[in-house]
């Protein structure tokens, strides 16, 4: 009698699952009869009413897993089921939001959103009505006649969300949808996504999010899956019990972030139990290594911006400043963010206000500017500080780039890690913190300082 009840309960749970993967794996056969194993045999399911976040280091197969679950790629072995029917035998209803905006530049916003409906043969009048309704839902009402090039990055990604949601998918897949946006825009879109989900305005039953951002996963997800690599496999799969909206500063939130960070960075250690998730007091400030997202801006651009602000009395509205310069706001924001990160300006109620150190930087000759930039970079940018300390401590005063790329890969996508490194190299060379040997892909001590060290002097 008990066995029958347990079997009935198990069947009920399975029936509720939208997508179920059973022993799926991905490998590539080689001519020598061996094979490259990307994903080890894995069981995974997506149920209604949950946001699932998939985390993992670079090379763990996160995007490969997404493609298999969404039907874009067939598993090398095992099977994916859609409502308990093999995914290749039934019509599935999913959409994907990609990292890049992936819009058709020759189509208007409305035409981009209508495109998947047109491909499904939806009549013109119905296409138009549904697309207009979805544009209104994501806050793009009034922009239907604009072209992608006329929109900011955040607005283009909203178009991507509208296009994915207009087909009313049962499962919405998102592959690092916020990673190409600036920090403020990404934060706003995350909040709006949660609001749409909480109000059930989104015509979808489940969300599957691939991300590199640990805090993003804890902020958004009802359930978090962390992959290991070589080959990809599930290291931990747990539910997030914290109520929404979540506060980054609470002890429970930071403990979850720390737990995931340890799972990601200690592959040789079996995962510990998931921390208790009780709303509590705010946690003390943490000091573990977390790299800032470096805005991709050049020192010359920052100097030019600060000079312009000085001419305007040291303060100006960011959007008005962009208009005066005939800049797209997306082009100006990285320069603003970089100057703010280095302490050269601060943002107050939408205005960029130059600081004392920023005014000195703007008014100084080039050599003094480099000194000020060096001081600000070492004080405010963890990656640059670590590179310089590594050079100081090595007997040959050289460090391979790959060492720091591996550290960045634990926090950013592979592509973004490379961009972060390029920006760090640009800033570090300008500040004369180090030189970079592009042929050997190694950081080296600046020539003048190298000679000083060899001559018995002390490094900075």
Protein backbone atom coordinates (compact mmCIF):
# COMPACT_ATOMS: atom_id res chain seq x y z
CA UNK A 1 0.00 0.00 0.00
CA UNK A 2 2.86 2.34 0.97
CA UNK A 3 4.80 1.45 -2.22
CA UNK A 4 1.74 2.30 -4.32
CA UNK A 5 1.39 5.68 -2.63
CA UNK A 6 5.09 6.48 -3.13
CA UNK A 7 4.89 5.46 -6.78
CA UNK A 8 1.80 7.64 -7.26
CA UNK A 9 3.54 10.62 -5.63
CA UNK A 10 6.62 10.16 -7.82
CA UNK A 11 4.47 10.00 -10.96
CA UNK A 12 2.68 13.19 -9.87
CA UNK A 13 5.99 15.03 -9.41
CA UNK A 14 7.27 13.84 -12.80
CA UNK A 15 4.05 14.88 -14.49
CA UNK A 16 4.54 18.44 -13.21
CA UNK A 17 8.02 18.73 -14.74
CA UNK A 18 8.20 20.64 -18.04
CA UNK A 19 11.67 19.54 -19.15
CA UNK A 20 13.49 16.50 -17.82
CA UNK A 21 16.97 15.41 -18.86
CA UNK A 22 17.88 11.80 -18.22
CA UNK A 23 21.56 10.78 -18.34
CA UNK A 24 22.31 13.33 -21.05
CA UNK A 25 25.93 13.80 -22.05
CA UNK A 26 27.91 15.56 -24.75
CA UNK A 27 31.10 14.25 -26.31
CA UNK A 28 32.99 14.53 -29.58
CA UNK A 29 34.52 11.46 -31.19
CA UNK A 30 38.16 11.62 -32.31
CA UNK A 31 39.90 9.76 -35.18
CA UNK A 32 41.99 7.78 -32.65
CA UNK A 33 38.79 6.18 -31.27
CA UNK A 34 38.94 8.36 -28.16
CA UNK A 35 36.44 11.10 -27.45
CA UNK A 36 36.39 14.51 -25.83
CA UNK A 37 33.83 14.45 -23.02
CA UNK A 38 32.21 17.86 -22.52
CA UNK A 39 29.24 16.90 -20.31
CA UNK A 40 29.21 13.78 -18.13
CA UNK A 41 25.92 11.81 -17.85
CA UNK A 42 23.57 14.22 -16.08
CA UNK A 43 20.02 14.23 -14.74
CA UNK A 44 18.26 17.59 -14.55
CA UNK A 45 14.70 18.93 -14.57
CA UNK A 46 12.86 22.23 -14.96
CA UNK A 47 9.54 22.54 -13.15
CA UNK A 48 6.80 25.20 -13.42
CA UNK A 49 6.97 28.28 -11.25
CA UNK A 50 10.74 28.45 -10.78
CA UNK A 51 13.68 30.50 -11.97
CA UNK A 52 16.66 28.17 -12.30
CA UNK A 53 20.19 29.61 -12.45
CA UNK A 54 23.06 27.57 -13.89
CA UNK A 55 26.53 28.60 -12.74
CA UNK A 56 29.93 27.15 -13.51
CA UNK A 57 33.51 28.01 -14.44
CA UNK A 58 34.48 28.56 -18.07
CA UNK A 59 34.61 25.27 -19.93
CA UNK A 60 32.10 23.52 -17.69
CA UNK A 61 29.50 23.30 -20.48
CA UNK A 62 26.84 25.74 -19.28
CA UNK A 63 25.85 26.94 -22.76
CA UNK A 64 26.08 23.39 -24.09
CA UNK A 65 23.65 22.29 -21.37
CA UNK A 66 21.27 25.12 -22.28
CA UNK A 67 21.34 24.17 -25.95
CA UNK A 68 20.54 20.52 -25.18
CA UNK A 69 17.70 21.40 -22.79
CA UNK A 70 16.19 23.89 -25.25
CA UNK A 71 16.36 21.50 -28.20
CA UNK A 72 18.99 23.47 -30.13
CA UNK A 73 21.48 20.61 -29.81
CA UNK A 74 21.03 16.87 -29.50
CA UNK A 75 22.73 15.06 -26.61
CA UNK A 76 25.41 12.55 -27.61
CA UNK A 77 23.69 10.09 -25.26
CA UNK A 78 20.69 10.15 -22.96
CA UNK A 79 17.38 11.87 -23.64
CA UNK A 80 15.61 15.17 -22.98
CA UNK A 81 11.86 14.94 -22.36
CA UNK A 82 9.24 17.65 -22.89
CA UNK A 83 6.27 16.83 -20.65
CA UNK A 84 7.59 13.26 -20.55
CA UNK A 85 7.78 12.91 -24.34
CA UNK A 86 11.15 12.80 -26.16
CA UNK A 87 11.98 16.34 -27.24
CA UNK A 88 12.62 15.34 -30.84
CA UNK A 89 9.13 13.88 -31.23
CA UNK A 90 7.00 16.81 -30.04
CA UNK A 91 6.66 20.52 -30.70
CA UNK A 92 8.17 22.44 -27.81
CA UNK A 93 7.45 26.01 -26.77
CA UNK A 94 10.65 27.75 -25.62
CA UNK A 95 12.45 31.02 -26.33
CA UNK A 96 16.04 32.14 -25.80
CA UNK A 97 17.49 35.53 -24.83
CA UNK A 98 21.14 35.67 -25.85
CA UNK A 99 24.14 37.50 -24.39
CA UNK A 100 24.41 39.67 -27.49
CA UNK A 101 21.28 41.45 -28.64
CA UNK A 102 21.03 39.41 -31.87
CA UNK A 103 18.57 41.83 -33.48
CA UNK A 104 18.03 42.30 -37.21
CA UNK A 105 19.52 45.78 -37.83
CA UNK A 106 17.44 46.34 -40.98
CA UNK A 107 14.15 45.78 -39.12
CA UNK A 108 12.38 48.20 -36.79
CA UNK A 109 11.78 47.35 -33.14
CA UNK A 110 8.24 46.21 -33.92
CA UNK A 111 9.38 44.12 -36.90
CA UNK A 112 12.07 42.46 -34.77
CA UNK A 113 9.48 41.48 -32.16
CA UNK A 114 7.05 40.27 -34.82
CA UNK A 115 9.71 38.10 -36.53
CA UNK A 116 9.21 34.87 -34.52
CA UNK A 117 5.42 35.18 -34.84
CA UNK A 118 5.76 35.65 -38.59
CA UNK A 119 7.94 32.53 -38.74
CA UNK A 120 5.16 30.62 -36.97
CA UNK A 121 2.56 31.81 -39.45
CA UNK A 122 0.61 34.06 -37.07
CA UNK A 123 -1.71 36.40 -39.05
CA UNK A 124 -0.56 40.00 -39.48
CA UNK A 125 -3.20 41.67 -37.29
CA UNK A 126 -2.61 39.24 -34.44
CA UNK A 127 1.17 39.63 -34.79
CA UNK A 128 0.86 43.38 -34.50
CA UNK A 129 -1.44 43.28 -31.47
CA UNK A 130 0.67 40.79 -29.52
CA UNK A 131 3.93 42.57 -30.35
CA UNK A 132 2.62 45.99 -29.35
CA UNK A 133 1.32 44.55 -26.08
CA UNK A 134 4.70 42.96 -25.33
CA UNK A 135 6.62 46.14 -26.15
CA UNK A 136 4.41 47.96 -23.67
CA UNK A 137 5.10 45.26 -21.08
CA UNK A 138 8.89 45.68 -21.31
CA UNK A 139 8.70 49.49 -21.33
CA UNK A 140 9.30 50.16 -25.04
CA UNK A 141 5.95 51.67 -25.94
CA UNK A 142 6.61 54.50 -28.39
CA UNK A 143 9.82 53.00 -29.81
CA UNK A 144 8.21 50.52 -32.21
CA UNK A 145 9.35 52.47 -35.31
CA UNK A 146 12.97 52.88 -34.16
CA UNK A 147 15.86 50.82 -35.52
CA UNK A 148 18.31 48.95 -33.23
CA UNK A 149 21.15 51.38 -33.96
CA UNK A 150 19.02 54.18 -32.48
CA UNK A 151 18.64 52.43 -29.13
CA UNK A 152 20.89 52.11 -26.09
CA UNK A 153 22.25 48.71 -25.10
CA UNK A 154 19.64 48.30 -22.39
CA UNK A 155 16.81 49.14 -24.78
CA UNK A 156 18.14 46.70 -27.38
CA UNK A 157 18.16 43.96 -24.76
CA UNK A 158 14.56 44.86 -23.86
CA UNK A 159 13.71 44.24 -27.52
CA UNK A 160 15.39 40.85 -27.15
CA UNK A 161 13.22 40.09 -24.12
CA UNK A 162 10.07 41.23 -25.95
CA UNK A 163 10.90 39.08 -28.97
CA UNK A 164 11.48 36.05 -26.74
CA UNK A 165 8.31 36.56 -24.71
CA UNK A 166 5.93 37.44 -27.55
CA UNK A 167 5.63 33.76 -28.52
CA UNK A 168 4.44 33.09 -24.94
CA UNK A 169 7.06 30.42 -24.21
CA UNK A 170 6.45 27.88 -21.53
CA UNK A 171 10.18 28.02 -20.68
CA UNK A 172 12.33 31.12 -21.21
CA UNK A 173 16.04 30.35 -21.58
CA UNK A 174 18.53 33.16 -20.97
CA UNK A 175 22.24 32.83 -21.81
CA UNK A 176 24.07 35.52 -19.78
CA UNK A 177 21.54 38.17 -20.86
CA UNK A 178 22.96 40.98 -18.70
CA UNK A 179 26.72 40.45 -19.14
CA UNK A 180 27.15 42.86 -22.05
CA UNK A 181 25.37 45.74 -20.26
CA UNK A 182 26.77 48.38 -17.95
CA UNK A 183 26.25 47.81 -14.23
CA UNK A 184 23.33 50.23 -13.77
CA UNK A 185 21.40 49.04 -16.84
CA UNK A 186 21.90 45.39 -15.90
CA UNK A 187 20.64 46.05 -12.38
CA UNK A 188 17.53 47.82 -13.68
CA UNK A 189 16.71 44.99 -16.09
CA UNK A 190 17.13 42.37 -13.37
CA UNK A 191 14.69 44.27 -11.16
CA UNK A 192 12.20 44.62 -14.00
CA UNK A 193 12.49 40.91 -14.83
CA UNK A 194 11.69 40.01 -11.22
CA UNK A 195 8.76 42.41 -11.20
CA UNK A 196 7.30 40.89 -14.38
CA UNK A 197 7.79 37.40 -12.92
CA UNK A 198 6.26 38.26 -9.53
CA UNK A 199 3.21 39.91 -11.12
CA UNK A 200 2.87 37.01 -13.59
CA UNK A 201 2.98 39.53 -16.43
CA UNK A 202 5.46 37.30 -18.25
CA UNK A 203 3.68 34.68 -20.38
CA UNK A 204 6.04 31.95 -19.25
CA UNK A 205 5.98 29.23 -16.61
CA UNK A 206 9.72 28.76 -15.97
CA UNK A 207 12.99 30.61 -16.52
CA UNK A 208 16.38 28.95 -17.04
CA UNK A 209 19.28 31.39 -16.62
CA UNK A 210 22.93 30.74 -17.47
CA UNK A 211 25.20 33.20 -15.68
CA UNK A 212 28.77 33.78 -14.45
CA UNK A 213 27.59 36.26 -11.84
CA UNK A 214 27.12 34.64 -8.42
CA UNK A 215 25.23 37.56 -6.87
CA UNK A 216 22.95 37.71 -9.91
CA UNK A 217 22.04 34.05 -9.40
CA UNK A 218 21.28 34.54 -5.69
CA UNK A 219 19.27 37.69 -6.44
CA UNK A 220 17.07 36.10 -9.10
CA UNK A 221 16.89 32.34 -8.73
CA UNK A 222 14.56 30.03 -6.86
CA UNK A 223 17.00 27.22 -7.52
CA UNK A 224 20.74 27.24 -8.27
CA UNK A 225 22.76 24.55 -10.04
CA UNK A 226 26.56 24.75 -10.00
CA UNK A 227 28.58 22.80 -12.55
CA UNK A 228 32.10 21.47 -12.27
CA UNK A 229 34.26 20.87 -15.34
CA UNK A 230 36.48 18.29 -17.08
CA UNK A 231 33.88 17.04 -17.89
CA UNK A 232 30.88 19.17 -16.96
CA UNK A 233 28.90 17.71 -14.05
CA UNK A 234 26.58 18.94 -11.31
CA UNK A 235 28.43 19.76 -8.09
CA UNK A 236 25.47 21.15 -6.16
CA UNK A 237 21.77 21.77 -6.83
CA UNK A 238 19.75 23.55 -4.17
CA UNK A 239 16.74 25.80 -3.63
CA UNK A 240 17.08 29.42 -2.52
CA UNK A 241 14.67 29.98 0.35
CA UNK A 242 15.25 33.73 0.81
CA UNK A 243 12.10 35.81 0.23
CA UNK A 244 11.97 38.38 -2.58
CA UNK A 245 13.07 41.12 -2.86
CA UNK A 246 16.49 40.04 -1.60
CA UNK A 247 19.01 42.27 0.12
CA UNK A 248 22.67 41.79 -0.82
CA UNK A 249 23.75 43.00 2.62
CA UNK A 250 22.00 40.37 4.73
CA UNK A 251 24.05 37.67 6.37
CA UNK A 252 22.04 34.88 4.70
CA UNK A 253 22.62 36.36 1.23
CA UNK A 254 26.38 36.75 1.69
CA UNK A 255 26.68 33.25 3.13
CA UNK A 256 25.02 31.81 0.00
CA UNK A 257 27.35 33.84 -2.23
CA UNK A 258 30.34 32.59 -0.25
CA UNK A 259 29.13 28.99 -0.46
CA UNK A 260 28.79 29.13 -4.25
CA UNK A 261 32.14 30.88 -4.58
CA UNK A 262 33.84 28.10 -2.64
CA UNK A 263 32.14 25.41 -4.75
CA UNK A 264 33.35 27.16 -7.92
CA UNK A 265 36.93 27.76 -6.81
CA UNK A 266 37.64 24.52 -4.94
CA UNK A 267 36.85 21.74 -7.43
CA UNK A 268 38.90 19.21 -5.48
CA UNK A 269 36.86 19.69 -2.27
CA UNK A 270 33.40 18.07 -1.96
CA UNK A 271 30.72 20.77 -1.50
CA UNK A 272 29.65 21.43 2.07
CA UNK A 273 26.03 21.63 3.14
CA UNK A 274 24.08 24.66 1.89
CA UNK A 275 24.04 27.41 4.58
CA UNK A 276 20.82 28.02 6.49
CA UNK A 277 18.76 30.59 4.68
CA UNK A 278 17.04 32.71 7.26
CA UNK A 279 16.49 36.41 6.87
CA UNK A 280 18.72 38.09 9.40
CA UNK A 281 20.89 41.04 10.18
CA UNK A 282 23.16 42.68 7.68
CA UNK A 283 26.51 41.03 7.31
CA UNK A 284 29.78 42.77 8.08
CA UNK A 285 31.79 43.99 5.11
CA UNK A 286 33.58 41.12 3.40
CA UNK A 287 37.16 41.25 2.15
CA UNK A 288 37.38 38.23 -0.14
CA UNK A 289 38.68 38.64 -3.66
CA UNK A 290 35.98 39.95 -6.00
CA UNK A 291 37.06 41.74 -9.12
CA UNK A 292 35.30 44.92 -10.19
CA UNK A 293 33.95 45.05 -13.73
CA UNK A 294 36.42 47.45 -15.37
CA UNK A 295 34.66 49.87 -17.72
CA UNK A 296 36.27 49.70 -21.16
CA UNK A 297 37.54 53.26 -21.34
CA UNK A 298 40.95 54.77 -22.07
CA UNK A 299 42.81 57.15 -19.77
CA UNK A 300 42.76 59.82 -22.50
CA UNK A 301 38.97 59.62 -22.64
CA UNK A 302 38.76 60.11 -18.88
CA UNK A 303 41.10 63.10 -19.03
CA UNK A 304 39.00 64.67 -21.80
CA UNK A 305 35.77 64.15 -19.87
CA UNK A 306 37.23 65.71 -16.72
CA UNK A 307 38.47 68.74 -18.68
CA UNK A 308 34.98 69.23 -20.12
CA UNK A 309 33.44 69.03 -16.66
CA UNK A 310 35.89 71.64 -15.38
CA UNK A 311 34.78 73.96 -18.18
CA UNK A 312 31.18 73.45 -17.03
CA UNK A 313 31.95 74.40 -13.45
CA UNK A 314 32.85 70.88 -12.35
CA UNK A 315 29.36 69.39 -12.65
CA UNK A 316 26.84 68.52 -15.38
CA UNK A 317 23.91 66.23 -16.10
CA UNK A 318 25.21 63.06 -17.78
CA UNK A 319 22.54 62.93 -20.45
CA UNK A 320 22.90 66.64 -21.24
CA UNK A 321 26.65 66.18 -21.47
CA UNK A 322 26.16 63.32 -23.94
CA UNK A 323 23.86 65.49 -26.05
CA UNK A 324 26.35 68.38 -26.04
CA UNK A 325 29.07 66.04 -27.29
CA UNK A 326 26.75 64.35 -29.83
CA UNK A 327 27.54 61.05 -28.05
CA UNK A 328 25.28 58.09 -27.57
CA UNK A 329 24.79 57.74 -23.81
CA UNK A 330 26.14 54.16 -24.07
CA UNK A 331 29.38 55.55 -25.48
CA UNK A 332 29.81 58.05 -22.66
CA UNK A 333 28.82 55.85 -19.69
CA UNK A 334 31.95 53.63 -19.71
CA UNK A 335 34.14 56.75 -19.47
CA UNK A 336 31.98 58.10 -16.63
CA UNK A 337 32.04 54.73 -14.83
CA UNK A 338 35.83 54.46 -15.19
CA UNK A 339 36.43 57.96 -13.81
CA UNK A 340 34.05 57.21 -10.94
CA UNK A 341 35.82 53.91 -10.17
CA UNK A 342 39.15 55.74 -9.91
CA UNK A 343 37.68 58.43 -7.68
CA UNK A 344 38.02 61.24 -10.23
CA UNK A 345 34.30 62.00 -10.21
CA UNK A 346 31.14 61.00 -8.40
CA UNK A 347 27.53 60.64 -9.50
CA UNK A 348 24.95 62.69 -7.62
CA UNK A 349 21.28 62.65 -8.67
CA UNK A 350 22.15 62.00 -12.30
CA UNK A 351 24.93 64.59 -12.40
CA UNK A 352 28.62 63.89 -12.86
CA UNK A 353 30.54 65.95 -10.30
CA UNK A 354 34.33 66.21 -10.48
CA UNK A 355 36.27 65.43 -7.28
CA UNK A 356 39.35 67.19 -5.94
CA UNK A 357 41.63 64.45 -7.29
CA UNK A 358 39.78 64.54 -10.62
CA UNK A 359 40.33 68.30 -10.91
CA UNK A 360 44.03 67.88 -10.18
CA UNK A 361 44.26 65.10 -12.78
CA UNK A 362 42.57 67.27 -15.42
CA UNK A 363 44.80 70.30 -14.69
CA UNK A 364 48.12 68.45 -14.53
CA UNK A 365 50.88 67.85 -17.07
CA UNK A 366 51.14 64.35 -18.55
CA UNK A 367 53.78 63.05 -16.11
CA UNK A 368 51.80 64.19 -13.08
CA UNK A 369 48.63 62.73 -14.64
CA UNK A 370 50.36 59.36 -14.85
CA UNK A 371 51.39 59.58 -11.20
CA UNK A 372 47.84 60.42 -10.13
CA UNK A 373 46.40 57.67 -12.32
CA UNK A 374 48.90 55.18 -10.86
CA UNK A 375 47.95 56.09 -7.30
CA UNK A 376 44.21 55.86 -8.06
CA UNK A 377 44.57 52.56 -9.95
CA UNK A 378 46.53 50.85 -7.18
CA UNK A 379 44.10 52.11 -4.56
CA UNK A 380 40.85 51.26 -6.35
CA UNK A 381 41.47 48.43 -8.84
CA UNK A 382 42.15 45.01 -7.31
CA UNK A 383 43.40 43.39 -10.54
CA UNK A 384 46.02 46.08 -11.19
CA UNK A 385 47.13 45.97 -7.57
CA UNK A 386 47.57 42.18 -7.75
CA UNK A 387 49.52 42.28 -11.01
CA UNK A 388 51.95 44.83 -9.61
CA UNK A 389 52.42 42.95 -6.33
CA UNK A 390 53.07 39.73 -8.24
CA UNK A 391 55.76 41.49 -10.29
CA UNK A 392 57.33 42.92 -7.14
CA UNK A 393 57.48 39.50 -5.49
CA UNK A 394 58.83 37.46 -8.45
CA UNK A 395 62.60 37.19 -8.69
CA UNK A 396 62.52 37.71 -12.47
CA UNK A 397 59.77 40.37 -12.21
CA UNK A 398 57.56 38.72 -14.85
CA UNK A 399 54.16 37.04 -14.52
CA UNK A 400 52.16 35.15 -17.21
CA UNK A 401 48.89 36.71 -18.34
CA UNK A 402 47.22 33.28 -18.16
CA UNK A 403 47.51 33.27 -14.37
CA UNK A 404 45.22 36.27 -14.02
CA UNK A 405 42.91 35.17 -16.85
CA UNK A 406 42.24 31.97 -14.91
CA UNK A 407 41.21 34.06 -11.90
CA UNK A 408 38.98 36.31 -14.01
CA UNK A 409 37.34 33.28 -15.64
CA UNK A 410 35.89 32.29 -12.27
CA UNK A 411 33.86 35.51 -12.25
CA UNK A 412 33.34 36.56 -15.89
CA UNK A 413 32.65 34.87 -19.20
CA UNK A 414 35.72 33.90 -21.24
CA UNK A 415 35.10 36.74 -23.70
CA UNK A 416 34.58 39.32 -20.95
CA UNK A 417 37.68 38.08 -19.08
CA UNK A 418 39.75 38.85 -22.17
CA UNK A 419 38.20 42.31 -22.47
CA UNK A 420 38.85 42.97 -18.78
CA UNK A 421 42.48 41.98 -19.29
CA UNK A 422 42.85 44.27 -22.31
CA UNK A 423 41.52 47.20 -20.29
CA UNK A 424 43.79 46.35 -17.35
CA UNK A 425 46.81 46.25 -19.67
CA UNK A 426 45.89 49.64 -21.17
CA UNK A 427 45.48 51.23 -17.74
CA UNK A 428 48.57 49.57 -16.23
CA UNK A 429 50.87 50.55 -19.08
CA UNK A 430 49.63 54.13 -19.05
CA UNK A 431 50.23 54.33 -15.30
CA UNK A 432 53.65 52.67 -15.75
CA UNK A 433 52.70 50.00 -13.22
CA UNK A 434 54.01 47.39 -15.65
CA UNK A 435 54.81 46.68 -19.28
CA UNK A 436 53.31 43.84 -21.29
CA UNK A 437 55.21 41.50 -23.59
CA UNK A 438 52.57 40.63 -26.21
CA UNK A 439 54.76 37.95 -27.82
CA UNK A 440 55.19 35.96 -24.62
CA UNK A 441 51.88 37.12 -23.11
CA UNK A 442 53.63 38.12 -19.89
CA UNK A 443 53.55 41.12 -17.60
CA UNK A 444 57.00 42.59 -17.00
CA UNK A 445 58.36 45.32 -14.77
CA UNK A 446 58.80 48.70 -16.52
CA UNK A 447 62.35 49.10 -17.86
CA UNK A 448 63.30 52.03 -15.65
CA UNK A 449 62.09 50.30 -12.51
CA UNK A 450 63.73 47.03 -13.54
CA UNK A 451 67.07 48.80 -13.79
CA UNK A 452 66.50 50.41 -10.40
CA UNK A 453 65.78 47.03 -8.80
CA UNK A 454 68.80 45.41 -10.40
CA UNK A 455 70.91 48.34 -9.22
CA UNK A 456 69.85 47.76 -5.62
CA UNK A 457 66.99 50.27 -5.39
CA UNK A 458 63.53 49.48 -4.04
CA UNK A 459 60.32 49.03 -5.99
CA UNK A 460 57.37 51.23 -5.24
